[in-house]
Amino acid sequence: MSNWVVWKQENNYRKLFWAGAISGIGSRFTQVAILTLLYQITGSGLAIGIFFHSKDGAVFIGSADWRYAC
């Protein structure tokens, strides 16, 4: 069965797909708004870099299982 046939037949899948697409667009708008506000408040590109580092830092720290490292 092709993807197009599934797309046409499965109403719940279409709803889920469009909900995910709209949510992703909203997340990007939020990110742009936060970065714009941060730049307006601080006037510093460094602050934006620190923001990105702190946001992604939790992922790096949480994923590293240092107890089992060789």
Protein backbone atom coordinates (compact mmCIF):
# COMPACT_ATOMS: atom_id res chain seq x y z
CA MET A 1 0.00 0.00 0.00
CA SER A 2 1.46 3.36 -0.97
CA ASN A 3 1.83 6.26 1.42
CA TRP A 4 -0.72 8.30 -0.50
CA VAL A 5 -3.38 5.60 -0.07
CA VAL A 6 -2.71 5.43 3.66
CA TRP A 7 -2.82 9.23 3.83
CA LYS A 8 -6.23 9.32 2.16
CA GLN A 9 -7.71 6.46 4.21
CA GLU A 10 -6.47 7.24 7.70
CA ASN A 11 -8.19 10.35 9.01
CA ASN A 12 -6.52 10.09 12.44
CA TYR A 13 -3.08 9.96 10.84
CA ARG A 14 -3.83 13.11 8.83
CA LYS A 15 -4.92 14.90 12.00
CA LEU A 16 -1.78 13.76 13.81
CA PHE A 17 0.44 14.85 10.92
CA TRP A 18 -1.07 18.34 10.72
CA ALA A 19 -1.05 18.75 14.49
CA GLY A 20 2.67 17.94 14.51
CA ALA A 21 3.34 20.34 11.64
CA ILE A 22 1.47 23.19 13.33
CA SER A 23 3.17 22.46 16.64
CA GLY A 24 6.59 22.55 14.96
CA ILE A 25 5.84 25.91 13.34
CA GLY A 26 4.69 27.27 16.70
CA SER A 27 7.89 26.06 18.34
CA ARG A 28 9.97 27.93 15.76
CA PHE A 29 7.98 31.14 16.29
CA THR A 30 8.54 30.80 20.04
CA GLN A 31 12.26 30.26 19.58
CA VAL A 32 12.59 33.34 17.36
CA ALA A 33 10.59 35.42 19.85
CA ILE A 34 12.74 34.32 22.80
CA LEU A 35 15.99 34.99 20.95
CA THR A 36 14.77 38.39 19.76
CA LEU A 37 13.73 39.34 23.29
CA LEU A 38 17.03 38.13 24.72
CA TYR A 39 18.96 40.18 22.17
CA GLN A 40 16.84 43.28 22.83
CA ILE A 41 17.37 42.98 26.58
CA THR A 42 21.09 42.21 26.55
CA GLY A 43 22.26 43.51 23.16
CA SER A 44 24.76 40.69 23.17
CA GLY A 45 25.29 37.81 20.79
CA LEU A 46 27.21 36.12 23.56
CA ALA A 47 24.02 35.88 25.62
CA ILE A 48 22.34 34.06 22.75
CA GLY A 49 25.27 31.66 22.55
CA ILE A 50 25.08 31.01 26.28
CA PHE A 51 21.33 30.45 25.94
CA PHE A 52 21.89 27.81 23.24
CA HIS A 53 24.66 26.18 25.25
CA SER A 54 22.53 26.00 28.40
CA LYS A 55 19.57 24.64 26.45
CA ASP A 56 21.61 21.88 24.82
CA GLY A 57 23.90 21.31 27.77
CA ALA A 58 21.27 19.33 29.65
CA VAL A 59 21.04 16.92 26.74
CA PHE A 60 24.79 16.34 26.73
CA ILE A 61 25.01 15.96 30.49
CA GLY A 62 21.97 13.70 30.69
CA SER A 63 23.11 11.42 27.89
CA ALA A 64 26.65 10.87 29.16
CA ASP A 65 26.84 7.85 31.38
CA TRP A 66 30.31 8.46 32.76
CA ARG A 67 30.13 5.56 35.25
CA TYR A 68 30.50 2.99 32.48
CA ALA A 69 33.07 4.82 30.38
CA CYS A 70 36.20 2.82 29.61
